[in-house]
Structures are given as C-alpha cells and as structure tokens.
Amino acid sequence: MSMNGRRRWIDNVMVERFFRTIKYEEVYLFASADGHEVQVGIAKFMVHYNTKRPHLNLSHWCPGEVYRGSDKDANGHRVKCS
C-alpha cells in the first residue's frame, strides 16, 4: 500500500518493478533446496544488479558506479559497467 497518498499507484512502481526483476531473473530461474540457497542467490543477484548490469534509466551505467561517482576514469570520462 502506498504511504504517500490515497490510491497513488505511481508511488510503488519502482519497487514493484525491482521485485519483478528479482523474481524473473533469479527466483523463478533457479530451483533452491532451502531458504539459505535463496538468500545466497538473491545476494549474488544484488551484487550483479548493482555492479555489472547496465540500466536503461541510467543511460546504460551501473547504479553502484553512478552512486559512488566511480563511473569516470582517470581522465574524467565516463566508463560503462564492467
């Protein structure tokens, strides 16, 4: 339920889309024997999502690099995800 206003569906769009990404790219693809395997798989996915996976809304840059400002090389030019 949205916390910003009554029936404001737009408030949850980003979170819902993120959860959909985790489900379709990790949870549904890999069978797990127990909760620990799920936790490890999601942790690995989060590292990949934030450091290796380019994002369209960030002009194909990785969120971790953009957040830390380390998306530039020694000459100040932007570099893409590794």
C-alpha atoms as a PDB file:
ATOM      1  CA  MET A   1       0.000   0.000   0.000  1.00  0.00           C
ATOM      2  CA  SER A   2       1.257   3.460  -0.844  1.00  0.00           C
ATOM      3  CA  MET A   3       2.301   5.622   2.068  1.00  0.00           C
ATOM      4  CA  ASN A   4       2.253   8.928   0.161  1.00  0.00           C
ATOM      5  CA  GLY A   5      -1.399   9.298  -0.579  1.00  0.00           C
ATOM      6  CA  ARG A   6      -4.688   7.631  -1.162  1.00  0.00           C
ATOM      7  CA  ARG A   7      -4.647   5.318  -4.192  1.00  0.00           C
ATOM      8  CA  ARG A   8      -1.367   6.730  -5.523  1.00  0.00           C
ATOM      9  CA  TRP A   9      -0.329   3.717  -7.606  1.00  0.00           C
ATOM     10  CA  ILE A  10       2.678   5.525  -9.040  1.00  0.00           C
ATOM     11  CA  ASP A  11       4.409   5.523  -5.634  1.00  0.00           C
ATOM     12  CA  ASN A  12       5.084   1.784  -5.749  1.00  0.00           C
ATOM     13  CA  VAL A  13       6.012   1.377  -9.407  1.00  0.00           C
ATOM     14  CA  MET A  14       9.791   1.337  -8.907  1.00  0.00           C
ATOM     15  CA  VAL A  15       9.689  -1.132  -6.018  1.00  0.00           C
ATOM     16  CA  GLU A  16       7.256  -3.434  -7.806  1.00  0.00           C
ATOM     17  CA  ARG A  17       9.390  -3.387 -10.938  1.00  0.00           C
ATOM     18  CA  PHE A  18      12.508  -4.184  -8.900  1.00  0.00           C
ATOM     19  CA  PHE A  19      10.763  -7.139  -7.229  1.00  0.00           C
ATOM     20  CA  ARG A  20       9.585  -8.359 -10.627  1.00  0.00           C
ATOM     21  CA  THR A  21      13.175  -8.236 -11.879  1.00  0.00           C
ATOM     22  CA  ILE A  22      14.419 -10.310  -8.938  1.00  0.00           C
ATOM     23  CA  LYS A  23      11.640 -12.869  -9.398  1.00  0.00           C
ATOM     24  CA  TYR A  24      12.042 -13.318 -13.150  1.00  0.00           C
ATOM     25  CA  GLU A  25      15.853 -13.154 -13.304  1.00  0.00           C
ATOM     26  CA  GLU A  26      16.725 -15.099 -10.151  1.00  0.00           C
ATOM     27  CA  VAL A  27      13.981 -16.768  -8.123  1.00  0.00           C
ATOM     28  CA  TYR A  28      11.973 -18.379 -10.941  1.00  0.00           C
ATOM     29  CA  LEU A  29      15.047 -19.499 -12.910  1.00  0.00           C
ATOM     30  CA  PHE A  30      16.968 -21.335 -10.183  1.00  0.00           C
ATOM     31  CA  ALA A  31      15.445 -24.047  -8.011  1.00  0.00           C
ATOM     32  CA  SER A  32      16.590 -23.861  -4.388  1.00  0.00           C
ATOM     33  CA  ALA A  33      16.586 -26.601  -1.771  1.00  0.00           C
ATOM     34  CA  ASP A  34      16.107 -24.283   1.189  1.00  0.00           C
ATOM     35  CA  GLY A  35      15.855 -20.673   2.326  1.00  0.00           C
ATOM     36  CA  HIS A  36      19.617 -20.330   2.701  1.00  0.00           C
ATOM     37  CA  GLU A  37      20.169 -21.042  -1.005  1.00  0.00           C
ATOM     38  CA  VAL A  38      17.532 -18.450  -1.882  1.00  0.00           C
ATOM     39  CA  GLN A  39      19.248 -15.888   0.352  1.00  0.00           C
ATOM     40  CA  VAL A  40      22.669 -16.574  -1.191  1.00  0.00           C
ATOM     41  CA  GLY A  41      21.229 -16.446  -4.719  1.00  0.00           C
ATOM     42  CA  ILE A  42      19.481 -13.128  -4.119  1.00  0.00           C
ATOM     43  CA  ALA A  43      22.643 -11.679  -2.516  1.00  0.00           C
ATOM     44  CA  LYS A  44      24.663 -12.644  -5.615  1.00  0.00           C
ATOM     45  CA  PHE A  45      21.953 -11.204  -7.846  1.00  0.00           C
ATOM     46  CA  MET A  46      22.025  -7.911  -5.924  1.00  0.00           C
ATOM     47  CA  VAL A  47      25.789  -7.602  -6.435  1.00  0.00           C
ATOM     48  CA  HIS A  48      25.323  -8.306 -10.140  1.00  0.00           C
ATOM     49  CA  TYR A  49      22.352  -5.897 -10.367  1.00  0.00           C
ATOM     50  CA  ASN A  50      24.273  -3.022  -8.778  1.00  0.00           C
ATOM     51  CA  THR A  51      27.752  -3.526 -10.254  1.00  0.00           C
ATOM     52  CA  LYS A  52      27.559  -5.433 -13.538  1.00  0.00           C
ATOM     53  CA  ARG A  53      24.098  -4.926 -15.047  1.00  0.00           C
ATOM     54  CA  PRO A  54      23.616  -1.758 -17.144  1.00  0.00           C
ATOM     55  CA  HIS A  55      20.367   0.113 -16.511  1.00  0.00           C
ATOM     56  CA  LEU A  56      18.423   1.862 -19.248  1.00  0.00           C
ATOM     57  CA  ASN A  57      17.273   4.702 -16.966  1.00  0.00           C
ATOM     58  CA  LEU A  58      20.920   5.434 -16.122  1.00  0.00           C
ATOM     59  CA  SER A  59      21.967   5.609 -19.786  1.00  0.00           C
ATOM     60  CA  HIS A  60      23.371   2.071 -19.527  1.00  0.00           C
ATOM     61  CA  TRP A  61      25.515   2.786 -16.465  1.00  0.00           C
ATOM     62  CA  CYS A  62      25.548   0.595 -13.352  1.00  0.00           C
ATOM     63  CA  PRO A  63      23.800   2.040 -10.279  1.00  0.00           C
ATOM     64  CA  GLY A  64      26.689   1.344  -7.908  1.00  0.00           C
ATOM     65  CA  GLU A  65      29.168   3.221 -10.091  1.00  0.00           C
ATOM     66  CA  VAL A  66      26.827   6.171 -10.543  1.00  0.00           C
ATOM     67  CA  TYR A  67      26.051   6.297  -6.806  1.00  0.00           C
ATOM     68  CA  ARG A  68      29.711   6.249  -5.771  1.00  0.00           C
ATOM     69  CA  GLY A  69      30.769   8.565  -8.584  1.00  0.00           C
ATOM     70  CA  SER A  70      33.317   5.976  -9.706  1.00  0.00           C
ATOM     71  CA  ASP A  71      31.839   5.860 -13.183  1.00  0.00           C
ATOM     72  CA  LYS A  72      34.697   8.023 -14.502  1.00  0.00           C
ATOM     73  CA  ASP A  73      38.200   7.008 -15.472  1.00  0.00           C
ATOM     74  CA  ALA A  74      41.427   8.882 -14.631  1.00  0.00           C
ATOM     75  CA  ASN A  75      40.749  11.397 -17.439  1.00  0.00           C
ATOM     76  CA  GLY A  76      37.257  12.173 -16.212  1.00  0.00           C
ATOM     77  CA  HIS A  77      35.492  10.261 -18.982  1.00  0.00           C
ATOM     78  CA  ARG A  78      32.524   8.093 -18.110  1.00  0.00           C
ATOM     79  CA  VAL A  79      33.068   4.346 -18.346  1.00  0.00           C
ATOM     80  CA  LYS A  80      30.420   1.673 -18.666  1.00  0.00           C
ATOM     81  CA  CYS A  81      29.751  -1.250 -16.339  1.00  0.00           C
ATOM     82  CA  SER A  82      32.496  -3.840 -16.071  1.00  0.00           C
END
